[in-house]
Full PDB file with SEQRES, HELIX, SHEET, SSBOND, CRYST1, ORIGX, SCALE, CONECT and MASTER records, all heavy atoms in Angstrom:
SEQRES   1 A   29  PHE SER ASP ALA VAL SER GLU GLN LEU GLN LYS LEU GLN          
SEQRES   2 A   29  ARG ARG GLY VAL ILE CYS ALA VAL ALA SER ARG THR GLN          
SEQRES   3 A   29  SER GLY PHE                                                  
HELIX    1 AA1 ASP A    3  ARG A   14  1                                  12    
CRYST1    1.000    1.000    1.000  90.00  90.00  90.00 P 1           1          
ORIGX1      1.000000  0.000000  0.000000        0.00000                         
ORIGX2      0.000000  1.000000  0.000000        0.00000                         
ORIGX3      0.000000  0.000000  1.000000        0.00000                         
SCALE1      1.000000  0.000000  0.000000        0.00000                         
SCALE2      0.000000  1.000000  0.000000        0.00000                         
SCALE3      0.000000  0.000000  1.000000        0.00000                         
ATOM      1  N   PHE A   1       0.857  -1.185   0.000  1.00  0.00           N  
ATOM      2  CA  PHE A   1       0.000   0.000   0.000  1.00  0.00           C  
ATOM      3  C   PHE A   1       0.894   1.236   0.000  1.00  0.00           C  
ATOM      4  O   PHE A   1       2.108   1.143   0.237  1.00  0.00           O  
ATOM      5  CB  PHE A   1      -0.934  -0.004   1.215  1.00  0.00           C  
ATOM      6  CG  PHE A   1      -0.281  -0.454   2.488  1.00  0.00           C  
ATOM      7  CD1 PHE A   1       0.437   0.431   3.292  1.00  0.00           C  
ATOM      8  CD2 PHE A   1      -0.367  -1.781   2.900  1.00  0.00           C  
ATOM      9  CE1 PHE A   1       1.041   0.010   4.467  1.00  0.00           C  
ATOM     10  CE2 PHE A   1       0.241  -2.216   4.071  1.00  0.00           C  
ATOM     11  CZ  PHE A   1       0.949  -1.312   4.860  1.00  0.00           C  
ATOM     12  N   SER A   2       0.290   2.358  -0.244  1.00  0.00           N  
ATOM     13  CA  SER A   2       1.047   3.600  -0.374  1.00  0.00           C  
ATOM     14  C   SER A   2       1.550   4.100   0.973  1.00  0.00           C  
ATOM     15  O   SER A   2       1.074   3.693   2.038  1.00  0.00           O  
ATOM     16  CB  SER A   2       0.170   4.676  -1.012  1.00  0.00           C  
ATOM     17  OG  SER A   2      -0.898   5.017  -0.132  1.00  0.00           O  
ATOM     18  N   ASP A   3       2.509   5.023   0.914  1.00  0.00           N  
ATOM     19  CA  ASP A   3       3.026   5.640   2.142  1.00  0.00           C  
ATOM     20  C   ASP A   3       1.923   6.399   2.871  1.00  0.00           C  
ATOM     21  O   ASP A   3       1.876   6.408   4.107  1.00  0.00           O  
ATOM     22  CB  ASP A   3       4.182   6.594   1.814  1.00  0.00           C  
ATOM     23  CG  ASP A   3       5.420   5.876   1.323  1.00  0.00           C  
ATOM     24  OD1 ASP A   3       5.521   4.643   1.530  1.00  0.00           O  
ATOM     25  OD2 ASP A   3       6.293   6.536   0.715  1.00  0.00           O  
ATOM     26  N   ALA A   4       1.035   7.043   2.113  1.00  0.00           N  
ATOM     27  CA  ALA A   4      -0.063   7.786   2.739  1.00  0.00           C  
ATOM     28  C   ALA A   4      -0.994   6.854   3.507  1.00  0.00           C  
ATOM     29  O   ALA A   4      -1.452   7.173   4.607  1.00  0.00           O  
ATOM     30  CB  ALA A   4      -0.844   8.557   1.676  1.00  0.00           C  
ATOM     31  N   VAL A   5      -1.265   5.699   2.946  1.00  0.00           N  
ATOM     32  CA  VAL A   5      -2.099   4.721   3.629  1.00  0.00           C  
ATOM     33  C   VAL A   5      -1.376   4.180   4.862  1.00  0.00           C  
ATOM     34  O   VAL A   5      -1.981   3.986   5.922  1.00  0.00           O  
ATOM     35  CB  VAL A   5      -2.490   3.586   2.671  1.00  0.00           C  
ATOM     36  CG1 VAL A   5      -3.065   2.392   3.435  1.00  0.00           C  
ATOM     37  CG2 VAL A   5      -3.504   4.083   1.651  1.00  0.00           C  
ATOM     38  N   SER A   6      -0.098   3.948   4.749  1.00  0.00           N  
ATOM     39  CA  SER A   6       0.692   3.486   5.893  1.00  0.00           C  
ATOM     40  C   SER A   6       0.584   4.460   7.056  1.00  0.00           C  
ATOM     41  O   SER A   6       0.398   4.062   8.217  1.00  0.00           O  
ATOM     42  CB  SER A   6       2.151   3.305   5.486  1.00  0.00           C  
ATOM     43  OG  SER A   6       2.933   2.925   6.601  1.00  0.00           O  
ATOM     44  N   GLU A   7       0.669   5.730   6.751  1.00  0.00           N  
ATOM     45  CA  GLU A   7       0.569   6.763   7.799  1.00  0.00           C  
ATOM     46  C   GLU A   7      -0.789   6.734   8.480  1.00  0.00           C  
ATOM     47  O   GLU A   7      -0.893   6.806   9.713  1.00  0.00           O  
ATOM     48  CB  GLU A   7       0.823   8.137   7.176  1.00  0.00           C  
ATOM     49  CG  GLU A   7       0.785   9.284   8.164  1.00  0.00           C  
ATOM     50  CD  GLU A   7       1.039  10.631   7.508  1.00  0.00           C  
ATOM     51  OE1 GLU A   7       1.569  10.666   6.379  1.00  0.00           O  
ATOM     52  OE2 GLU A   7       0.689  11.660   8.137  1.00  0.00           O  
ATOM     53  N   GLN A   8      -1.846   6.581   7.683  1.00  0.00           N  
ATOM     54  CA  GLN A   8      -3.191   6.545   8.251  1.00  0.00           C  
ATOM     55  C   GLN A   8      -3.432   5.263   9.053  1.00  0.00           C  
ATOM     56  O   GLN A   8      -4.087   5.301  10.103  1.00  0.00           O  
ATOM     57  CB  GLN A   8      -4.232   6.671   7.138  1.00  0.00           C  
ATOM     58  CG  GLN A   8      -4.260   8.028   6.467  1.00  0.00           C  
ATOM     59  CD  GLN A   8      -4.655   9.146   7.409  1.00  0.00           C  
ATOM     60  OE1 GLN A   8      -5.483   8.968   8.306  1.00  0.00           O  
ATOM     61  NE2 GLN A   8      -4.072  10.317   7.222  1.00  0.00           N  
ATOM     62  N   LEU A   9      -2.895   4.155   8.585  1.00  0.00           N  
ATOM     63  CA  LEU A   9      -3.039   2.904   9.325  1.00  0.00           C  
ATOM     64  C   LEU A   9      -2.410   2.998  10.704  1.00  0.00           C  
ATOM     65  O   LEU A   9      -2.967   2.511  11.694  1.00  0.00           O  
ATOM     66  CB  LEU A   9      -2.421   1.749   8.536  1.00  0.00           C  
ATOM     67  CG  LEU A   9      -3.185   1.245   7.313  1.00  0.00           C  
ATOM     68  CD1 LEU A   9      -2.339   0.231   6.548  1.00  0.00           C  
ATOM     69  CD2 LEU A   9      -4.521   0.619   7.710  1.00  0.00           C  
ATOM     70  N   GLN A  10      -1.252   3.614  10.772  1.00  0.00           N  
ATOM     71  CA  GLN A  10      -0.594   3.766  12.069  1.00  0.00           C  
ATOM     72  C   GLN A  10      -1.413   4.653  13.008  1.00  0.00           C  
ATOM     73  O   GLN A  10      -1.464   4.402  14.216  1.00  0.00           O  
ATOM     74  CB  GLN A  10       0.807   4.353  11.852  1.00  0.00           C  
ATOM     75  CG  GLN A  10       1.748   3.379  11.146  1.00  0.00           C  
ATOM     76  CD  GLN A  10       3.094   4.009  10.845  1.00  0.00           C  
ATOM     77  OE1 GLN A  10       3.908   4.249  11.745  1.00  0.00           O  
ATOM     78  NE2 GLN A  10       3.337   4.283   9.562  1.00  0.00           N  
ATOM     79  N   LYS A  11      -2.065   5.664  12.465  1.00  0.00           N  
ATOM     80  CA  LYS A  11      -2.947   6.493  13.284  1.00  0.00           C  
ATOM     81  C   LYS A  11      -4.117   5.676  13.822  1.00  0.00           C  
ATOM     82  O   LYS A  11      -4.502   5.814  14.992  1.00  0.00           O  
ATOM     83  CB  LYS A  11      -3.455   7.682  12.463  1.00  0.00           C  
ATOM     84  CG  LYS A  11      -2.393   8.732  12.144  1.00  0.00           C  
ATOM     85  CD  LYS A  11      -3.006   9.891  11.350  1.00  0.00           C  
ATOM     86  CE  LYS A  11      -1.958  10.949  11.038  1.00  0.00           C  
ATOM     87  NZ  LYS A  11      -2.529  12.072  10.252  1.00  0.00           N  
ATOM     88  N   LEU A  12      -4.682   4.835  12.968  1.00  0.00           N  
ATOM     89  CA  LEU A  12      -5.788   3.982  13.403  1.00  0.00           C  
ATOM     90  C   LEU A  12      -5.332   3.014  14.485  1.00  0.00           C  
ATOM     91  O   LEU A  12      -6.057   2.786  15.480  1.00  0.00           O  
ATOM     92  CB  LEU A  12      -6.360   3.204  12.217  1.00  0.00           C  
ATOM     93  CG  LEU A  12      -7.608   3.796  11.549  1.00  0.00           C  
ATOM     94  CD1 LEU A  12      -7.331   5.183  10.993  1.00  0.00           C  
ATOM     95  CD2 LEU A  12      -8.107   2.862  10.439  1.00  0.00           C  
ATOM     96  N   GLN A  13      -4.160   2.454  14.334  1.00  0.00           N  
ATOM     97  CA  GLN A  13      -3.650   1.520  15.330  1.00  0.00           C  
ATOM     98  C   GLN A  13      -3.478   2.206  16.680  1.00  0.00           C  
ATOM     99  O   GLN A  13      -3.771   1.611  17.727  1.00  0.00           O  
ATOM    100  CB  GLN A  13      -2.331   0.921  14.852  1.00  0.00           C  
ATOM    101  CG  GLN A  13      -2.483  -0.066  13.701  1.00  0.00           C  
ATOM    102  CD  GLN A  13      -1.151  -0.548  13.176  1.00  0.00           C  
ATOM    103  OE1 GLN A  13      -0.173   0.194  13.142  1.00  0.00           O  
ATOM    104  NE2 GLN A  13      -1.093  -1.801  12.761  1.00  0.00           N  
ATOM    105  N   ARG A  14      -3.026   3.433  16.667  1.00  0.00           N  
ATOM    106  CA  ARG A  14      -2.866   4.170  17.940  1.00  0.00           C  
ATOM    107  C   ARG A  14      -4.212   4.456  18.589  1.00  0.00           C  
ATOM    108  O   ARG A  14      -4.295   4.624  19.808  1.00  0.00           O  
ATOM    109  CB  ARG A  14      -2.094   5.473  17.692  1.00  0.00           C  
ATOM    110  CG  ARG A  14      -0.614   5.258  17.387  1.00  0.00           C  
ATOM    111  CD  ARG A  14       0.164   6.563  17.474  1.00  0.00           C  
ATOM    112  NE  ARG A  14      -0.138   7.472  16.377  1.00  0.00           N  
ATOM    113  CZ  ARG A  14       0.509   7.516  15.223  1.00  0.00           C  
ATOM    114  NH1 ARG A  14       1.500   6.654  14.992  1.00  0.00           N  
ATOM    115  NH2 ARG A  14       0.182   8.395  14.302  1.00  0.00           N  
ATOM    116  N   ARG A  15      -5.259   4.469  17.798  1.00  0.00           N  
ATOM    117  CA  ARG A  15      -6.617   4.669  18.328  1.00  0.00           C  
ATOM    118  C   ARG A  15      -7.246   3.350  18.778  1.00  0.00           C  
ATOM    119  O   ARG A  15      -8.383   3.329  19.235  1.00  0.00           O  
ATOM    120  CB  ARG A  15      -7.492   5.331  17.264  1.00  0.00           C  
ATOM    121  CG  ARG A  15      -7.104   6.749  16.932  1.00  0.00           C  
ATOM    122  CD  ARG A  15      -7.907   7.321  15.765  1.00  0.00           C  
ATOM    123  NE  ARG A  15      -9.341   7.379  16.023  1.00  0.00           N  
ATOM    124  CZ  ARG A  15     -10.229   7.941  15.194  1.00  0.00           C  
ATOM    125  NH1 ARG A  15      -9.813   8.496  14.076  1.00  0.00           N  
ATOM    126  NH2 ARG A  15     -11.509   7.952  15.496  1.00  0.00           N  
ATOM    127  N   GLY A  16      -6.539   2.235  18.616  1.00  0.00           N  
ATOM    128  CA  GLY A  16      -7.050   0.941  19.051  1.00  0.00           C  
ATOM    129  C   GLY A  16      -7.822   0.185  17.995  1.00  0.00           C  
ATOM    130  O   GLY A  16      -8.427  -0.865  18.299  1.00  0.00           O  
ATOM    131  N   VAL A  17      -7.818   0.674  16.771  1.00  0.00           N  
ATOM    132  CA  VAL A  17      -8.499  -0.025  15.678  1.00  0.00           C  
ATOM    133  C   VAL A  17      -7.601  -1.167  15.199  1.00  0.00           C  
ATOM    134  O   VAL A  17      -6.419  -0.962  14.909  1.00  0.00           O  
ATOM    135  CB  VAL A  17      -8.806   0.939  14.514  1.00  0.00           C  
ATOM    136  CG1 VAL A  17      -9.461   0.184  13.361  1.00  0.00           C  
ATOM    137  CG2 VAL A  17      -9.698   2.082  14.994  1.00  0.00           C  
ATOM    138  N   ILE A  18      -8.150  -2.373  15.135  1.00  0.00           N  
ATOM    139  CA  ILE A  18      -7.385  -3.524  14.655  1.00  0.00           C  
ATOM    140  C   ILE A  18      -7.399  -3.516  13.130  1.00  0.00           C  
ATOM    141  O   ILE A  18      -8.466  -3.461  12.513  1.00  0.00           O  
ATOM    142  CB  ILE A  18      -7.980  -4.850  15.179  1.00  0.00           C  
ATOM    143  CG1 ILE A  18      -8.038  -4.827  16.706  1.00  0.00           C  
ATOM    144  CG2 ILE A  18      -7.152  -6.028  14.685  1.00  0.00           C  
ATOM    145  CD1 ILE A  18      -6.699  -4.717  17.375  1.00  0.00           C  
ATOM    146  N   CYS A  19      -6.218  -3.566  12.532  1.00  0.00           N  
ATOM    147  CA  CYS A  19      -6.102  -3.485  11.077  1.00  0.00           C  
ATOM    148  C   CYS A  19      -5.490  -4.768  10.526  1.00  0.00           C  
ATOM    149  O   CYS A  19      -4.547  -5.312  11.101  1.00  0.00           O  
ATOM    150  CB  CYS A  19      -5.243  -2.290  10.673  1.00  0.00           C  
ATOM    151  SG  CYS A  19      -5.875  -0.687  11.253  1.00  0.00           S  
ATOM    152  N   ALA A  20      -6.044  -5.225   9.427  1.00  0.00           N  
ATOM    153  CA  ALA A  20      -5.531  -6.408   8.746  1.00  0.00           C  
ATOM    154  C   ALA A  20      -5.354  -6.085   7.271  1.00  0.00           C  
ATOM    155  O   ALA A  20      -6.007  -5.182   6.743  1.00  0.00           O  
ATOM    156  CB  ALA A  20      -6.491  -7.587   8.910  1.00  0.00           C  
ATOM    157  N   VAL A  21      -4.462  -6.814   6.621  1.00  0.00           N  
ATOM    158  CA  VAL A  21      -4.246  -6.601   5.193  1.00  0.00           C  
ATOM    159  C   VAL A  21      -4.452  -7.905   4.432  1.00  0.00           C  
ATOM    160  O   VAL A  21      -3.892  -8.943   4.767  1.00  0.00           O  
ATOM    161  CB  VAL A  21      -2.848  -6.012   4.905  1.00  0.00           C  
ATOM    162  CG1 VAL A  21      -1.731  -6.934   5.398  1.00  0.00           C  
ATOM    163  CG2 VAL A  21      -2.679  -5.720   3.416  1.00  0.00           C  
ATOM    164  N   ALA A  22      -5.321  -7.842   3.422  1.00  0.00           N  
ATOM    165  CA  ALA A  22      -5.543  -8.938   2.485  1.00  0.00           C  
ATOM    166  C   ALA A  22      -5.073  -8.451   1.116  1.00  0.00           C  
ATOM    167  O   ALA A  22      -4.553  -7.347   0.982  1.00  0.00           O  
ATOM    168  CB  ALA A  22      -7.015  -9.323   2.457  1.00  0.00           C  
ATOM    169  N   SER A  23      -5.270  -9.287   0.115  1.00  0.00           N  
ATOM    170  CA  SER A  23      -4.876  -8.893  -1.231  1.00  0.00           C  
ATOM    171  C   SER A  23      -6.108  -8.753  -2.113  1.00  0.00           C  
ATOM    172  O   SER A  23      -7.062  -9.516  -1.987  1.00  0.00           O  
ATOM    173  CB  SER A  23      -3.929  -9.928  -1.844  1.00  0.00           C  
ATOM    174  OG  SER A  23      -3.637  -9.606  -3.194  1.00  0.00           O  
ATOM    175  N   ARG A  24      -6.051  -7.794  -3.008  1.00  0.00           N  
ATOM    176  CA  ARG A  24      -7.161  -7.627  -3.943  1.00  0.00           C  
ATOM    177  C   ARG A  24      -7.055  -8.592  -5.121  1.00  0.00           C  
ATOM    178  O   ARG A  24      -7.948  -8.624  -5.975  1.00  0.00           O  
ATOM    179  CB  ARG A  24      -7.234  -6.183  -4.442  1.00  0.00           C  
ATOM    180  CG  ARG A  24      -6.097  -5.765  -5.338  1.00  0.00           C  
ATOM    181  CD  ARG A  24      -6.241  -4.330  -5.813  1.00  0.00           C  
ATOM    182  NE  ARG A  24      -5.458  -4.098  -7.038  1.00  0.00           N  
ATOM    183  CZ  ARG A  24      -5.478  -2.964  -7.723  1.00  0.00           C  
ATOM    184  NH1 ARG A  24      -6.215  -1.942  -7.305  1.00  0.00           N  
ATOM    185  NH2 ARG A  24      -4.762  -2.839  -8.822  1.00  0.00           N  
ATOM    186  N   THR A  25      -5.991  -9.383  -5.184  1.00  0.00           N  
ATOM    187  CA  THR A  25      -5.852 -10.385  -6.233  1.00  0.00           C  
ATOM    188  C   THR A  25      -6.734 -11.586  -5.922  1.00  0.00           C  
ATOM    189  O   THR A  25      -7.268 -11.728  -4.823  1.00  0.00           O  
ATOM    190  CB  THR A  25      -4.392 -10.851  -6.365  1.00  0.00           C  
ATOM    191  OG1 THR A  25      -3.978 -11.476  -5.143  1.00  0.00           O  
ATOM    192  CG2 THR A  25      -3.475  -9.681  -6.664  1.00  0.00           C  
ATOM    193  N   GLN A  26      -6.866 -12.494  -6.868  1.00  0.00           N  
ATOM    194  CA  GLN A  26      -7.736 -13.654  -6.711  1.00  0.00           C  
ATOM    195  C   GLN A  26      -7.031 -14.854  -6.084  1.00  0.00           C  
ATOM    196  O   GLN A  26      -7.674 -15.834  -5.740  1.00  0.00           O  
ATOM    197  CB  GLN A  26      -8.303 -14.056  -8.076  1.00  0.00           C  
ATOM    198  CG  GLN A  26      -9.260 -13.040  -8.680  1.00  0.00           C  
ATOM    199  CD  GLN A  26     -10.591 -12.971  -7.960  1.00  0.00           C  
ATOM    200  OE1 GLN A  26     -10.966 -13.870  -7.234  1.00  0.00           O  
ATOM    201  NE2 GLN A  26     -11.306 -11.879  -8.151  1.00  0.00           N  
ATOM    202  N   SER A  27      -5.710 -14.807  -5.966  1.00  0.00           N  
ATOM    203  CA  SER A  27      -4.992 -15.943  -5.394  1.00  0.00           C  
ATOM    204  C   SER A  27      -3.700 -15.455  -4.759  1.00  0.00           C  
ATOM    205  O   SER A  27      -3.322 -14.282  -4.892  1.00  0.00           O  
ATOM    206  CB  SER A  27      -4.692 -17.006  -6.461  1.00  0.00           C  
ATOM    207  OG  SER A  27      -3.853 -16.478  -7.471  1.00  0.00           O  
ATOM    208  N   GLY A  28      -3.013 -16.357  -4.065  1.00  0.00           N  
ATOM    209  CA  GLY A  28      -1.790 -15.973  -3.367  1.00  0.00           C  
ATOM    210  C   GLY A  28      -2.065 -15.600  -1.925  1.00  0.00           C  
ATOM    211  O   GLY A  28      -3.166 -15.784  -1.407  1.00  0.00           O  
ATOM    212  N   PHE A  29      -1.057 -15.063  -1.262  1.00  0.00           N  
ATOM    213  CA  PHE A  29      -1.170 -14.724   0.148  1.00  0.00           C  
ATOM    214  C   PHE A  29      -0.587 -13.341   0.390  1.00  0.00           C  
ATOM    215  O   PHE A  29       0.018 -12.732  -0.506  1.00  0.00           O  
ATOM    216  CB  PHE A  29      -0.438 -15.763   1.003  1.00  0.00           C  
ATOM    217  CG  PHE A  29       1.041 -15.856   0.701  1.00  0.00           C  
ATOM    218  CD1 PHE A  29       1.956 -15.096   1.419  1.00  0.00           C  
ATOM    219  CD2 PHE A  29       1.513 -16.686  -0.307  1.00  0.00           C  
ATOM    220  CE1 PHE A  29       3.309 -15.163   1.140  1.00  0.00           C  
ATOM    221  CE2 PHE A  29       2.867 -16.766  -0.591  1.00  0.00           C  
ATOM    222  CZ  PHE A  29       3.768 -16.007   0.130  1.00  0.00           C  
TER     223      PHE A  29                                                      
MASTER        0    0    0    1    0    0    0    6  222    1    0    3          
END                                                                             
């Protein structure tokens, strides 16, 4: 993901929001 998204994710984590990352592709991990 982009640097801007990374920055926002870290803000959410500090607020106690649990964040997970999946892939928008149809296969793989």
